[in-house]
């Protein structure tokens, strides 16, 4: 068995509106069992259980959003943090 202490972990941030539906925790659980990936889920809505912050974006190596509107909102709300950060749109068909 490989020594997991030598693995460089990547930080994956899932972003949706509220992170209250079943889809986001499922996405997070799939990757959270991977020893090389740390995962967080955040919401863009002020009523989200965990609201997206500047520190979340700075933490993330990869940002995965469910819809194009989430990418636009993040870019508008956090222009400095997203200037050089790639945001991937998953085009999820499940409302979040």
N, C-alpha and C. Protein backbone atom coordinates (compact mmCIF):
# COMPACT_ATOMS: atom_id res chain seq x y z
N UNK A 1 0.84 -1.19 0.00
CA UNK A 1 0.00 0.00 0.00
C UNK A 1 0.88 1.25 0.00
N UNK A 2 0.55 2.23 -0.81
CA UNK A 2 1.34 3.45 -0.94
C UNK A 2 1.19 4.33 0.29
N UNK A 3 2.24 5.06 0.59
CA UNK A 3 2.21 6.00 1.71
C UNK A 3 1.48 7.26 1.27
N UNK A 4 0.27 7.48 1.80
CA UNK A 4 -0.56 8.62 1.37
C UNK A 4 -0.02 9.96 1.85
N UNK A 5 0.95 9.97 2.76
CA UNK A 5 1.49 11.24 3.24
C UNK A 5 2.33 11.94 2.17
N UNK A 6 2.76 11.20 1.15
CA UNK A 6 3.57 11.79 0.08
C UNK A 6 2.75 12.26 -1.10
N UNK A 7 1.44 12.12 -1.03
CA UNK A 7 0.57 12.49 -2.14
C UNK A 7 0.27 13.98 -2.08
N UNK A 8 0.43 14.66 -3.21
CA UNK A 8 0.04 16.07 -3.30
C UNK A 8 -1.46 16.11 -3.54
N UNK A 9 -2.19 16.69 -2.60
CA UNK A 9 -3.64 16.75 -2.72
C UNK A 9 -4.04 17.97 -3.52
N UNK A 10 -5.08 17.79 -4.33
CA UNK A 10 -5.69 18.89 -5.07
C UNK A 10 -6.97 19.27 -4.34
N UNK A 11 -7.33 20.53 -4.41
CA UNK A 11 -8.54 21.04 -3.76
C UNK A 11 -9.62 21.31 -4.80
N UNK A 12 -10.73 20.57 -4.71
CA UNK A 12 -11.85 20.73 -5.65
C UNK A 12 -13.01 21.41 -4.94
N UNK A 13 -13.50 22.48 -5.54
CA UNK A 13 -14.61 23.25 -4.97
C UNK A 13 -15.83 23.12 -5.88
N UNK A 14 -16.92 22.55 -5.35
CA UNK A 14 -18.19 22.46 -6.07
C UNK A 14 -19.04 23.66 -5.68
N UNK A 15 -19.61 24.34 -6.68
CA UNK A 15 -20.43 25.52 -6.41
C UNK A 15 -21.77 25.38 -7.11
N UNK A 16 -22.82 25.64 -6.35
CA UNK A 16 -24.19 25.61 -6.83
C UNK A 16 -24.88 26.84 -6.24
N UNK A 17 -26.20 26.88 -6.25
CA UNK A 17 -26.89 28.01 -5.65
C UNK A 17 -26.98 27.88 -4.13
N UNK A 18 -27.53 26.77 -3.67
CA UNK A 18 -27.77 26.63 -2.23
C UNK A 18 -27.08 25.44 -1.59
N UNK A 19 -26.66 24.47 -2.35
CA UNK A 19 -26.05 23.25 -1.80
C UNK A 19 -27.02 22.58 -0.83
N UNK A 20 -28.29 22.64 -1.11
CA UNK A 20 -29.27 22.01 -0.23
C UNK A 20 -29.85 20.74 -0.82
N UNK A 21 -29.72 20.56 -2.14
CA UNK A 21 -30.31 19.40 -2.78
C UNK A 21 -29.43 18.17 -2.64
N UNK A 22 -29.91 17.07 -3.13
CA UNK A 22 -29.18 15.81 -3.02
C UNK A 22 -28.01 15.72 -3.99
N UNK A 23 -28.03 16.48 -5.06
CA UNK A 23 -27.01 16.33 -6.10
C UNK A 23 -25.62 16.75 -5.62
N UNK A 24 -25.49 17.85 -4.96
CA UNK A 24 -24.16 18.33 -4.58
C UNK A 24 -23.47 17.45 -3.55
N UNK A 25 -24.14 17.07 -2.49
CA UNK A 25 -23.45 16.16 -1.57
C UNK A 25 -23.03 14.86 -2.25
N UNK A 26 -23.79 14.40 -3.23
CA UNK A 26 -23.42 13.19 -3.95
C UNK A 26 -22.14 13.42 -4.74
N UNK A 27 -22.06 14.54 -5.46
CA UNK A 27 -20.84 14.87 -6.20
C UNK A 27 -19.65 14.93 -5.26
N UNK A 28 -19.84 15.57 -4.14
CA UNK A 28 -18.76 15.73 -3.17
C UNK A 28 -18.33 14.37 -2.62
N UNK A 29 -19.28 13.51 -2.30
CA UNK A 29 -18.95 12.20 -1.74
C UNK A 29 -18.15 11.35 -2.71
N UNK A 30 -18.45 11.44 -3.99
CA UNK A 30 -17.73 10.64 -4.98
C UNK A 30 -16.24 10.97 -4.94
N UNK A 31 -15.90 12.23 -4.87
CA UNK A 31 -14.50 12.62 -4.87
C UNK A 31 -13.86 12.61 -3.48
N UNK A 32 -14.65 12.74 -2.43
CA UNK A 32 -14.09 12.85 -1.09
C UNK A 32 -13.38 11.57 -0.65
N UNK A 33 -13.69 10.44 -1.28
CA UNK A 33 -13.03 9.19 -0.95
C UNK A 33 -11.70 9.02 -1.68
N UNK A 34 -11.39 9.92 -2.55
CA UNK A 34 -10.14 9.87 -3.30
C UNK A 34 -9.04 10.49 -2.45
N UNK A 35 -7.98 9.75 -2.23
CA UNK A 35 -6.93 10.20 -1.30
C UNK A 35 -6.15 11.41 -1.81
N UNK A 36 -6.23 11.73 -3.08
CA UNK A 36 -5.47 12.85 -3.63
C UNK A 36 -6.31 14.11 -3.81
N UNK A 37 -7.57 14.08 -3.36
CA UNK A 37 -8.45 15.23 -3.57
C UNK A 37 -9.15 15.63 -2.28
N UNK A 38 -9.07 16.91 -1.94
CA UNK A 38 -9.87 17.48 -0.85
C UNK A 38 -11.04 18.20 -1.50
N UNK A 39 -12.22 18.09 -0.91
CA UNK A 39 -13.44 18.60 -1.54
C UNK A 39 -14.21 19.51 -0.60
N UNK A 40 -14.77 20.58 -1.16
CA UNK A 40 -15.70 21.47 -0.47
C UNK A 40 -16.87 21.75 -1.40
N UNK A 41 -18.03 22.02 -0.79
CA UNK A 41 -19.21 22.47 -1.55
C UNK A 41 -19.67 23.79 -0.96
N UNK A 42 -19.98 24.73 -1.83
CA UNK A 42 -20.44 26.04 -1.39
C UNK A 42 -21.57 26.51 -2.29
N UNK A 43 -22.35 27.48 -1.79
CA UNK A 43 -23.45 28.03 -2.56
C UNK A 43 -23.25 29.50 -2.85
N UNK A 44 -23.83 29.97 -3.95
CA UNK A 44 -23.74 31.38 -4.30
C UNK A 44 -24.85 32.21 -3.65
N UNK A 45 -25.92 31.55 -3.24
CA UNK A 45 -27.06 32.24 -2.62
C UNK A 45 -26.73 32.62 -1.18
N UNK A 46 -27.20 33.78 -0.77
CA UNK A 46 -26.99 34.23 0.62
C UNK A 46 -27.68 33.29 1.61
N UNK A 47 -28.66 32.51 1.15
CA UNK A 47 -29.38 31.58 2.02
C UNK A 47 -28.79 30.16 2.00
N UNK A 48 -27.66 29.99 1.33
CA UNK A 48 -27.01 28.67 1.28
C UNK A 48 -26.51 28.29 2.67
N UNK A 49 -26.48 26.99 2.94
CA UNK A 49 -25.94 26.52 4.22
C UNK A 49 -24.49 26.96 4.38
N UNK A 50 -23.71 26.85 3.33
CA UNK A 50 -22.31 27.28 3.33
C UNK A 50 -22.13 28.22 2.14
N UNK A 51 -22.02 29.50 2.41
CA UNK A 51 -21.94 30.51 1.36
C UNK A 51 -20.51 30.63 0.85
N UNK A 52 -20.36 30.70 -0.45
CA UNK A 52 -19.06 30.85 -1.09
C UNK A 52 -18.36 32.10 -0.60
N UNK A 53 -17.07 31.97 -0.30
CA UNK A 53 -16.28 33.11 0.17
C UNK A 53 -14.99 33.23 -0.64
N UNK A 54 -14.34 34.33 -0.46
CA UNK A 54 -13.06 34.58 -1.10
C UNK A 54 -12.04 33.51 -0.71
N UNK A 55 -12.04 33.13 0.55
CA UNK A 55 -11.07 32.13 1.01
C UNK A 55 -11.31 30.76 0.37
N UNK A 56 -12.58 30.44 0.08
CA UNK A 56 -12.87 29.18 -0.62
C UNK A 56 -12.23 29.18 -2.01
N UNK A 57 -12.36 30.29 -2.71
CA UNK A 57 -11.79 30.37 -4.06
C UNK A 57 -10.27 30.35 -4.03
N UNK A 58 -9.67 30.98 -3.05
CA UNK A 58 -8.22 30.95 -2.91
C UNK A 58 -7.74 29.54 -2.59
N UNK A 59 -8.52 28.80 -1.81
CA UNK A 59 -8.20 27.42 -1.42
C UNK A 59 -8.24 26.47 -2.61
N UNK A 60 -9.17 26.70 -3.53
CA UNK A 60 -9.45 25.75 -4.61
C UNK A 60 -8.40 25.73 -5.70
N UNK A 61 -8.04 24.52 -6.12
CA UNK A 61 -7.21 24.33 -7.30
C UNK A 61 -8.10 24.23 -8.53
N UNK A 62 -9.30 23.70 -8.33
CA UNK A 62 -10.26 23.55 -9.41
C UNK A 62 -11.64 23.94 -8.88
N UNK A 63 -12.37 24.73 -9.68
CA UNK A 63 -13.72 25.15 -9.31
C UNK A 63 -14.69 24.52 -10.31
N UNK A 64 -15.67 23.79 -9.80
CA UNK A 64 -16.66 23.10 -10.63
C UNK A 64 -18.03 23.67 -10.31
N UNK A 65 -18.66 24.28 -11.31
CA UNK A 65 -19.98 24.87 -11.12
C UNK A 65 -21.01 24.07 -11.91
N UNK A 66 -22.25 24.16 -11.47
CA UNK A 66 -23.29 23.36 -12.09
C UNK A 66 -23.87 24.00 -13.34
N UNK A 67 -23.89 25.33 -13.39
CA UNK A 67 -24.51 26.04 -14.51
C UNK A 67 -23.68 27.27 -14.89
N UNK A 68 -23.88 27.75 -16.11
CA UNK A 68 -23.15 28.95 -16.57
C UNK A 68 -23.46 30.16 -15.70
N UNK A 69 -24.68 30.25 -15.17
CA UNK A 69 -25.03 31.40 -14.33
C UNK A 69 -24.22 31.41 -13.03
N UNK A 70 -23.82 30.24 -12.53
CA UNK A 70 -22.99 30.19 -11.33
C UNK A 70 -21.59 30.73 -11.65
N UNK A 71 -21.07 30.35 -12.79
CA UNK A 71 -19.76 30.85 -13.21
C UNK A 71 -19.79 32.37 -13.34
N UNK A 72 -20.82 32.90 -13.96
CA UNK A 72 -20.94 34.35 -14.13
C UNK A 72 -21.04 35.06 -12.79
N UNK A 73 -21.84 34.52 -11.89
CA UNK A 73 -22.01 35.15 -10.57
C UNK A 73 -20.69 35.16 -9.80
N UNK A 74 -19.96 34.06 -9.84
CA UNK A 74 -18.67 34.00 -9.15
C UNK A 74 -17.71 35.02 -9.74
N UNK A 75 -17.65 35.09 -11.06
CA UNK A 75 -16.76 36.05 -11.73
C UNK A 75 -17.13 37.48 -11.40
N UNK A 76 -18.43 37.77 -11.31
CA UNK A 76 -18.89 39.12 -10.97
C UNK A 76 -18.62 39.48 -9.51
N UNK A 77 -18.87 38.52 -8.60
CA UNK A 77 -18.73 38.78 -7.17
C UNK A 77 -17.29 38.71 -6.67
N UNK A 78 -16.43 37.96 -7.37
CA UNK A 78 -15.05 37.75 -6.93
C UNK A 78 -14.07 37.96 -8.09
N UNK A 79 -14.03 39.15 -8.68
CA UNK A 79 -13.19 39.34 -9.87
C UNK A 79 -11.70 39.12 -9.62
N UNK A 80 -11.22 39.52 -8.48
CA UNK A 80 -9.79 39.34 -8.17
C UNK A 80 -9.41 37.89 -7.99
N UNK A 81 -10.25 37.16 -7.30
CA UNK A 81 -9.97 35.75 -7.00
C UNK A 81 -10.11 34.86 -8.23
N UNK A 82 -10.90 35.29 -9.21
CA UNK A 82 -11.16 34.45 -10.38
C UNK A 82 -10.41 34.91 -11.64
N UNK A 83 -9.66 35.98 -11.51
CA UNK A 83 -8.97 36.52 -12.69
C UNK A 83 -8.11 35.48 -13.40
N UNK A 84 -7.40 34.66 -12.63
CA UNK A 84 -6.52 33.65 -13.22
C UNK A 84 -6.96 32.23 -12.87
N UNK A 85 -8.17 32.09 -12.40
CA UNK A 85 -8.67 30.77 -12.00
C UNK A 85 -9.63 30.23 -13.06
N UNK A 86 -9.43 28.99 -13.40
CA UNK A 86 -10.32 28.35 -14.37
C UNK A 86 -11.53 27.78 -13.66
N UNK A 87 -12.70 28.11 -14.18
CA UNK A 87 -13.95 27.62 -13.61
C UNK A 87 -14.61 26.71 -14.65
N UNK A 88 -14.89 25.49 -14.26
CA UNK A 88 -15.45 24.49 -15.16
C UNK A 88 -16.96 24.37 -14.95
N UNK A 89 -17.72 24.48 -16.02
CA UNK A 89 -19.17 24.35 -15.97
C UNK A 89 -19.53 22.91 -16.30
N UNK A 90 -20.23 22.25 -15.38
CA UNK A 90 -20.61 20.86 -15.56
C UNK A 90 -21.92 20.68 -16.31
N UNK A 91 -22.67 21.78 -16.48
CA UNK A 91 -23.98 21.72 -17.14
C UNK A 91 -24.86 20.62 -16.54
N UNK A 92 -24.94 20.63 -15.24
CA UNK A 92 -25.72 19.64 -14.51
C UNK A 92 -27.21 19.82 -14.81
N UNK A 93 -27.89 18.74 -15.08
CA UNK A 93 -29.31 18.79 -15.39
C UNK A 93 -30.18 18.77 -14.14
N UNK A 94 -29.59 18.55 -12.98
CA UNK A 94 -30.33 18.55 -11.72
C UNK A 94 -30.31 19.95 -11.15
N UNK A 95 -31.48 20.47 -10.83
CA UNK A 95 -31.59 21.81 -10.27
C UNK A 95 -30.89 21.86 -8.91
N UNK A 96 -30.15 22.94 -8.71
CA UNK A 96 -29.47 23.04 -7.42
C UNK A 96 -29.71 24.39 -6.79
